[in-house]
Amino acid sequence: MMNCPICGNAAHTRSSSQISKDTKERYNQCQNINCSCTFKSLETVSAIIMKPGEVNPVPPHPGRNQQQTLWM
């Protein structure tokens, strides 16, 4: 969440797209009904604090039609 650059109220992300491996472009809209400013922002990785050792890939979650039913 970001604050609106015009009125300072909360602004929610409406959509986003990956620009590069480290940068995402977000389209935001102010939640103040009297303002409703729409603006773009960029979210960028500025530094890696801790890099993991070996990363083991995991399989994706199953689709809805492949999940088992829980019986209680």
PDB file of N, CA and C in Angstrom:
ATOM      1  N   MET A   1       0.842  -1.177   0.000  1.00  0.00           N
ATOM      2  CA  MET A   1       0.000   0.000   0.000  1.00  0.00           C
ATOM      3  C   MET A   1       0.886   1.239   0.000  1.00  0.00           C
ATOM      4  N   MET A   2       0.447   2.223  -0.732  1.00  0.00           N
ATOM      5  CA  MET A   2       1.114   3.523  -0.748  1.00  0.00           C
ATOM      6  C   MET A   2       0.128   4.592  -0.309  1.00  0.00           C
ATOM      7  N   ASN A   3       0.651   5.756  -0.006  1.00  0.00           N
ATOM      8  CA  ASN A   3      -0.202   6.904   0.283  1.00  0.00           C
ATOM      9  C   ASN A   3      -0.339   7.731  -0.985  1.00  0.00           C
ATOM     10  N   CYS A   4      -1.485   8.356  -1.146  1.00  0.00           N
ATOM     11  CA  CYS A   4      -1.761   9.200  -2.300  1.00  0.00           C
ATOM     12  C   CYS A   4      -0.810  10.399  -2.299  1.00  0.00           C
ATOM     13  N   PRO A   5      -0.181  10.695  -3.450  1.00  0.00           N
ATOM     14  CA  PRO A   5       0.726  11.849  -3.500  1.00  0.00           C
ATOM     15  C   PRO A   5      -0.011  13.191  -3.449  1.00  0.00           C
ATOM     16  N   ILE A   6      -1.330  13.187  -3.648  1.00  0.00           N
ATOM     17  CA  ILE A   6      -2.103  14.434  -3.638  1.00  0.00           C
ATOM     18  C   ILE A   6      -2.661  14.735  -2.248  1.00  0.00           C
ATOM     19  N   CYS A   7      -3.411  13.773  -1.669  1.00  0.00           N
ATOM     20  CA  CYS A   7      -4.077  14.042  -0.387  1.00  0.00           C
ATOM     21  C   CYS A   7      -3.475  13.291   0.801  1.00  0.00           C
ATOM     22  N   GLY A   8      -2.635  12.288   0.551  1.00  0.00           N
ATOM     23  CA  GLY A   8      -1.978  11.567   1.642  1.00  0.00           C
ATOM     24  C   GLY A   8      -2.742  10.379   2.186  1.00  0.00           C
ATOM     25  N   ASN A   9      -3.980  10.135   1.712  1.00  0.00           N
ATOM     26  CA  ASN A   9      -4.746   8.976   2.178  1.00  0.00           C
ATOM     27  C   ASN A   9      -4.214   7.697   1.547  1.00  0.00           C
ATOM     28  N   ALA A  10      -4.717   6.563   2.020  1.00  0.00           N
ATOM     29  CA  ALA A  10      -4.291   5.261   1.500  1.00  0.00           C
ATOM     30  C   ALA A  10      -4.672   5.111   0.036  1.00  0.00           C
ATOM     31  N   ALA A  11      -3.788   4.505  -0.724  1.00  0.00           N
ATOM     32  CA  ALA A  11      -4.050   4.200  -2.129  1.00  0.00           C
ATOM     33  C   ALA A  11      -3.818   2.706  -2.324  1.00  0.00           C
ATOM     34  N   HIS A  12      -4.743   2.041  -2.985  1.00  0.00           N
ATOM     35  CA  HIS A  12      -4.642   0.600  -3.218  1.00  0.00           C
ATOM     36  C   HIS A  12      -4.169   0.317  -4.632  1.00  0.00           C
ATOM     37  N   THR A  13      -3.448  -0.797  -4.794  1.00  0.00           N
ATOM     38  CA  THR A  13      -2.991  -1.228  -6.109  1.00  0.00           C
ATOM     39  C   THR A  13      -4.158  -1.823  -6.877  1.00  0.00           C
ATOM     40  N   ARG A  14      -4.375  -1.352  -8.097  1.00  0.00           N
ATOM     41  CA  ARG A  14      -5.440  -1.865  -8.962  1.00  0.00           C
ATOM     42  C   ARG A  14      -4.920  -2.909  -9.929  1.00  0.00           C
ATOM     43  N   SER A  15      -3.691  -2.750 -10.408  1.00  0.00           N
ATOM     44  CA  SER A  15      -3.056  -3.743 -11.273  1.00  0.00           C
ATOM     45  C   SER A  15      -1.557  -3.519 -11.229  1.00  0.00           C
ATOM     46  N   SER A  16      -0.812  -4.494 -11.721  1.00  0.00           N
ATOM     47  CA  SER A  16       0.639  -4.370 -11.748  1.00  0.00           C
ATOM     48  C   SER A  16       1.197  -5.230 -12.864  1.00  0.00           C
ATOM     49  N   SER A  17       2.423  -4.916 -13.261  1.00  0.00           N
ATOM     50  CA  SER A  17       3.110  -5.727 -14.260  1.00  0.00           C
ATOM     51  C   SER A  17       4.594  -5.744 -13.940  1.00  0.00           C
ATOM     52  N   GLN A  18       5.217  -6.875 -14.226  1.00  0.00           N
ATOM     53  CA  GLN A  18       6.636  -7.050 -13.972  1.00  0.00           C
ATOM     54  C   GLN A  18       7.411  -6.361 -15.094  1.00  0.00           C
ATOM     55  N   ILE A  19       8.216  -5.363 -14.766  1.00  0.00           N
ATOM     56  CA  ILE A  19       9.006  -4.620 -15.742  1.00  0.00           C
ATOM     57  C   ILE A  19      10.337  -5.319 -15.993  1.00  0.00           C
ATOM     58  N   SER A  20      10.964  -5.775 -14.936  1.00  0.00           N
ATOM     59  CA  SER A  20      12.226  -6.519 -15.017  1.00  0.00           C
ATOM     60  C   SER A  20      12.252  -7.509 -13.860  1.00  0.00           C
ATOM     61  N   LYS A  21      13.330  -8.244 -13.744  1.00  0.00           N
ATOM     62  CA  LYS A  21      13.453  -9.232 -12.666  1.00  0.00           C
ATOM     63  C   LYS A  21      13.313  -8.587 -11.285  1.00  0.00           C
ATOM     64  N   ASP A  22      13.763  -7.354 -11.151  1.00  0.00           N
ATOM     65  CA  ASP A  22      13.780  -6.674  -9.856  1.00  0.00           C
ATOM     66  C   ASP A  22      12.794  -5.520  -9.721  1.00  0.00           C
ATOM     67  N   THR A  23      12.002  -5.227 -10.751  1.00  0.00           N
ATOM     68  CA  THR A  23      11.125  -4.052 -10.706  1.00  0.00           C
ATOM     69  C   THR A  23       9.712  -4.380 -11.163  1.00  0.00           C
ATOM     70  N   LYS A  24       8.749  -3.864 -10.411  1.00  0.00           N
ATOM     71  CA  LYS A  24       7.330  -4.024 -10.737  1.00  0.00           C
ATOM     72  C   LYS A  24       6.691  -2.646 -10.848  1.00  0.00           C
ATOM     73  N   GLU A  25       5.876  -2.445 -11.891  1.00  0.00           N
ATOM     74  CA  GLU A  25       5.127  -1.206 -12.065  1.00  0.00           C
ATOM     75  C   GLU A  25       3.715  -1.438 -11.538  1.00  0.00           C
ATOM     76  N   ARG A  26       3.246  -0.539 -10.678  1.00  0.00           N
ATOM     77  CA  ARG A  26       1.921  -0.671 -10.084  1.00  0.00           C
ATOM     78  C   ARG A  26       1.052   0.520 -10.455  1.00  0.00           C
ATOM     79  N   TYR A  27      -0.224   0.233 -10.727  1.00  0.00           N
ATOM     80  CA  TYR A  27      -1.222   1.280 -10.945  1.00  0.00           C
ATOM     81  C   TYR A  27      -2.037   1.367  -9.662  1.00  0.00           C
ATOM     82  N   ASN A  28      -2.069   2.534  -9.057  1.00  0.00           N
ATOM     83  CA  ASN A  28      -2.693   2.737  -7.749  1.00  0.00           C
ATOM     84  C   ASN A  28      -3.846   3.727  -7.849  1.00  0.00           C
ATOM     85  N   GLN A  29      -4.807   3.592  -6.915  1.00  0.00           N
ATOM     86  CA  GLN A  29      -5.915   4.537  -6.854  1.00  0.00           C
ATOM     87  C   GLN A  29      -6.163   4.933  -5.403  1.00  0.00           C
ATOM     88  N   CYS A  30      -6.287   6.247  -5.189  1.00  0.00           N
ATOM     89  CA  CYS A  30      -6.566   6.787  -3.860  1.00  0.00           C
ATOM     90  C   CYS A  30      -7.940   6.308  -3.391  1.00  0.00           C
ATOM     91  N   GLN A  31      -8.037   5.952  -2.120  1.00  0.00           N
ATOM     92  CA  GLN A  31      -9.293   5.472  -1.544  1.00  0.00           C
ATOM     93  C   GLN A  31     -10.181   6.602  -1.026  1.00  0.00           C
ATOM     94  N   ASN A  32      -9.668   7.836  -1.014  1.00  0.00           N
ATOM     95  CA  ASN A  32     -10.459   8.994  -0.618  1.00  0.00           C
ATOM     96  C   ASN A  32     -11.399   9.325  -1.784  1.00  0.00           C
ATOM     97  N   ILE A  33     -12.704   9.159  -1.584  1.00  0.00           N
ATOM     98  CA  ILE A  33     -13.680   9.354  -2.663  1.00  0.00           C
ATOM     99  C   ILE A  33     -13.673  10.777  -3.209  1.00  0.00           C
ATOM    100  N   ASN A  34     -13.247  11.743  -2.416  1.00  0.00           N
ATOM    101  CA  ASN A  34     -13.184  13.130  -2.883  1.00  0.00           C
ATOM    102  C   ASN A  34     -11.929  13.417  -3.703  1.00  0.00           C
ATOM    103  N   CYS A  35     -10.979  12.491  -3.699  1.00  0.00           N
ATOM    104  CA  CYS A  35      -9.728  12.667  -4.444  1.00  0.00           C
ATOM    105  C   CYS A  35      -9.677  11.683  -5.627  1.00  0.00           C
ATOM    106  N   SER A  36      -9.652  10.392  -5.329  1.00  0.00           N
ATOM    107  CA  SER A  36      -9.627   9.320  -6.331  1.00  0.00           C
ATOM    108  C   SER A  36      -8.490   9.434  -7.336  1.00  0.00           C
ATOM    109  N   CYS A  37      -7.393  10.052  -6.944  1.00  0.00           N
ATOM    110  CA  CYS A  37      -6.221  10.175  -7.814  1.00  0.00           C
ATOM    111  C   CYS A  37      -5.747   8.780  -8.241  1.00  0.00           C
ATOM    112  N   THR A  38      -5.429   8.627  -9.511  1.00  0.00           N
ATOM    113  CA  THR A  38      -4.869   7.385 -10.030  1.00  0.00           C
ATOM    114  C   THR A  38      -3.442   7.686 -10.470  1.00  0.00           C
ATOM    115  N   PHE A  39      -2.485   6.845 -10.048  1.00  0.00           N
ATOM    116  CA  PHE A  39      -1.078   7.107 -10.355  1.00  0.00           C
ATOM    117  C   PHE A  39      -0.296   5.802 -10.486  1.00  0.00           C
ATOM    118  N   LYS A  40       0.862   5.892 -11.139  1.00  0.00           N
ATOM    119  CA  LYS A  40       1.754   4.742 -11.290  1.00  0.00           C
ATOM    120  C   LYS A  40       2.886   4.854 -10.282  1.00  0.00           C
ATOM    121  N   SER A  41       3.383   3.688  -9.841  1.00  0.00           N
ATOM    122  CA  SER A  41       4.552   3.664  -8.969  1.00  0.00           C
ATOM    123  C   SER A  41       5.438   2.489  -9.385  1.00  0.00           C
ATOM    124  N   LEU A  42       6.690   2.545  -8.997  1.00  0.00           N
ATOM    125  CA  LEU A  42       7.629   1.466  -9.270  1.00  0.00           C
ATOM    126  C   LEU A  42       8.097   0.878  -7.954  1.00  0.00           C
ATOM    127  N   GLU A  43       8.085  -0.443  -7.858  1.00  0.00           N
ATOM    128  CA  GLU A  43       8.603  -1.151  -6.687  1.00  0.00           C
ATOM    129  C   GLU A  43       9.854  -1.887  -7.148  1.00  0.00           C
ATOM    130  N   THR A  44      10.989  -1.589  -6.529  1.00  0.00           N
ATOM    131  CA  THR A  44      12.263  -2.152  -6.961  1.00  0.00           C
ATOM    132  C   THR A  44      13.013  -2.745  -5.778  1.00  0.00           C
ATOM    133  N   VAL A  45      13.620  -3.897  -6.002  1.00  0.00           N
ATOM    134  CA  VAL A  45      14.502  -4.494  -5.001  1.00  0.00           C
ATOM    135  C   VAL A  45      15.749  -3.624  -4.942  1.00  0.00           C
ATOM    136  N   SER A  46      16.078  -3.084  -3.769  1.00  0.00           N
ATOM    137  CA  SER A  46      17.244  -2.208  -3.648  1.00  0.00           C
ATOM    138  C   SER A  46      18.464  -2.948  -3.098  1.00  0.00           C
ATOM    139  N   ALA A  47      18.242  -3.995  -2.304  1.00  0.00           N
ATOM    140  CA  ALA A  47      19.366  -4.765  -1.760  1.00  0.00           C
ATOM    141  C   ALA A  47      18.857  -6.110  -1.266  1.00  0.00           C
ATOM    142  N   ILE A  48      19.685  -7.126  -1.350  1.00  0.00           N
ATOM    143  CA  ILE A  48      19.372  -8.439  -0.775  1.00  0.00           C
ATOM    144  C   ILE A  48      20.047  -8.487   0.585  1.00  0.00           C
ATOM    145  N   ILE A  49      19.261  -8.673   1.625  1.00  0.00           N
ATOM    146  CA  ILE A  49      19.780  -8.663   2.995  1.00  0.00           C
ATOM    147  C   ILE A  49      20.472  -9.981   3.324  1.00  0.00           C
ATOM    148  N   MET A  50      19.827 -11.103   2.973  1.00  0.00           N
ATOM    149  CA  MET A  50      20.387 -12.417   3.234  1.00  0.00           C
ATOM    150  C   MET A  50      20.072 -13.306   2.048  1.00  0.00           C
ATOM    151  N   LYS A  51      21.094 -13.884   1.454  1.00  0.00           N
ATOM    152  CA  LYS A  51      20.902 -14.754   0.297  1.00  0.00           C
ATOM    153  C   LYS A  51      20.934 -16.208   0.778  1.00  0.00           C
ATOM    154  N   PRO A  52      19.903 -16.995   0.416  1.00  0.00           N
ATOM    155  CA  PRO A  52      19.880 -18.390   0.868  1.00  0.00           C
ATOM    156  C   PRO A  52      20.970 -19.210   0.176  1.00  0.00           C
ATOM    157  N   GLY A  53      21.290 -20.340   0.786  1.00  0.00           N
ATOM    158  CA  GLY A  53      22.258 -21.255   0.181  1.00  0.00           C
ATOM    159  C   GLY A  53      21.623 -21.936  -1.013  1.00  0.00           C
ATOM    160  N   GLU A  54      21.522 -23.233  -0.971  1.00  0.00           N
ATOM    161  CA  GLU A  54      20.921 -23.998  -2.064  1.00  0.00           C
ATOM    162  C   GLU A  54      19.403 -23.875  -2.004  1.00  0.00           C
ATOM    163  N   VAL A  55      18.795 -23.587  -3.136  1.00  0.00           N
ATOM    164  CA  VAL A  55      17.343 -23.454  -3.216  1.00  0.00           C
ATOM    165  C   VAL A  55      16.799 -24.680  -3.926  1.00  0.00           C
ATOM    166  N   ASN A  56      15.930 -25.419  -3.230  1.00  0.00           N
ATOM    167  CA  ASN A  56      15.324 -26.615  -3.810  1.00  0.00           C
ATOM    168  C   ASN A  56      13.963 -26.252  -4.386  1.00  0.00           C
ATOM    169  N   PRO A  57      13.763 -26.473  -5.698  1.00  0.00           N
ATOM    170  CA  PRO A  57      12.456 -26.148  -6.282  1.00  0.00           C
ATOM    171  C   PRO A  57      11.362 -27.066  -5.738  1.00  0.00           C
ATOM    172  N   VAL A  58      10.161 -26.527  -5.628  1.00  0.00           N
ATOM    173  CA  VAL A  58       9.018 -27.310  -5.160  1.00  0.00           C
ATOM    174  C   VAL A  58       7.966 -27.342  -6.254  1.00  0.00           C
ATOM    175  N   PRO A  59       7.161 -28.413  -6.307  1.00  0.00           N
ATOM    176  CA  PRO A  59       6.113 -28.469  -7.336  1.00  0.00           C
ATOM    177  C   PRO A  59       4.995 -27.473  -7.012  1.00  0.00           C
ATOM    178  N   PRO A  60       4.285 -26.982  -8.019  1.00  0.00           N
ATOM    179  CA  PRO A  60       3.180 -26.043  -7.768  1.00  0.00           C
ATOM    180  C   PRO A  60       2.020 -26.731  -7.063  1.00  0.00           C
ATOM    181  N   HIS A  61       1.164 -25.925  -6.420  1.00  0.00           N
ATOM    182  CA  HIS A  61      -0.033 -26.466  -5.766  1.00  0.00           C
ATOM    183  C   HIS A  61      -0.933 -27.104  -6.822  1.00  0.00           C
ATOM    184  N   PRO A  62      -1.647 -28.163  -6.463  1.00  0.00           N
ATOM    185  CA  PRO A  62      -2.573 -28.763  -7.431  1.00  0.00           C
ATOM    186  C   PRO A  62      -3.738 -27.824  -7.735  1.00  0.00           C
ATOM    187  N   GLY A  63      -4.320 -27.980  -8.927  1.00  0.00           N
ATOM    188  CA  GLY A  63      -5.492 -27.196  -9.295  1.00  0.00           C
ATOM    189  C   GLY A  63      -6.686 -27.602  -8.453  1.00  0.00           C
ATOM    190  N   ARG A  64      -7.737 -26.822  -8.478  1.00  0.00           N
ATOM    191  CA  ARG A  64      -8.927 -27.104  -7.662  1.00  0.00           C
ATOM    192  C   ARG A  64      -9.520 -28.482  -7.946  1.00  0.00           C
ATOM    193  N   ASN A  65      -9.505 -28.909  -9.190  1.00  0.00           N
ATOM    194  CA  ASN A  65     -10.089 -30.212  -9.518  1.00  0.00           C
ATOM    195  C   ASN A  65      -9.189 -31.369  -9.134  1.00  0.00           C
ATOM    196  N   GLN A  66      -7.967 -31.094  -8.685  1.00  0.00           N
ATOM    197  CA  GLN A  66      -7.040 -32.164  -8.287  1.00  0.00           C
ATOM    198  C   GLN A  66      -6.863 -32.258  -6.775  1.00  0.00           C
ATOM    199  N   GLN A  67      -7.523 -31.381  -6.012  1.00  0.00           N
ATOM    200  CA  GLN A  67      -7.384 -31.407  -4.553  1.00  0.00           C
ATOM    201  C   GLN A  67      -8.278 -32.493  -3.976  1.00  0.00           C
ATOM    202  N   GLN A  68      -7.786 -33.088  -2.885  1.00  0.00           N
ATOM    203  CA  GLN A  68      -8.569 -34.115  -2.205  1.00  0.00           C
ATOM    204  C   GLN A  68      -9.591 -33.466  -1.280  1.00  0.00           C
ATOM    205  N   THR A  69     -10.713 -34.138  -1.077  1.00  0.00           N
ATOM    206  CA  THR A  69     -11.759 -33.660  -0.182  1.00  0.00           C
ATOM    207  C   THR A  69     -11.417 -34.088   1.251  1.00  0.00           C
ATOM    208  N   LEU A  70     -11.596 -33.170   2.211  1.00  0.00           N
ATOM    209  CA  LEU A  70     -11.390 -33.491   3.615  1.00  0.00           C
ATOM    210  C   LEU A  70     -12.693 -33.991   4.210  1.00  0.00           C
ATOM    211  N   TRP A  71     -12.645 -35.139   4.858  1.00  0.00           N
ATOM    212  CA  TRP A  71     -13.833 -35.696   5.507  1.00  0.00           C
ATOM    213  C   TRP A  71     -13.706 -35.498   6.993  1.00  0.00           C
ATOM    214  N   MET A  72     -14.691 -34.885   7.583  1.00  0.00           N
ATOM    215  CA  MET A  72     -14.653 -34.636   9.033  1.00  0.00           C
ATOM    216  C   MET A  72     -15.820 -35.263   9.709  1.00  0.00           C
TER     217      MET A  72
END
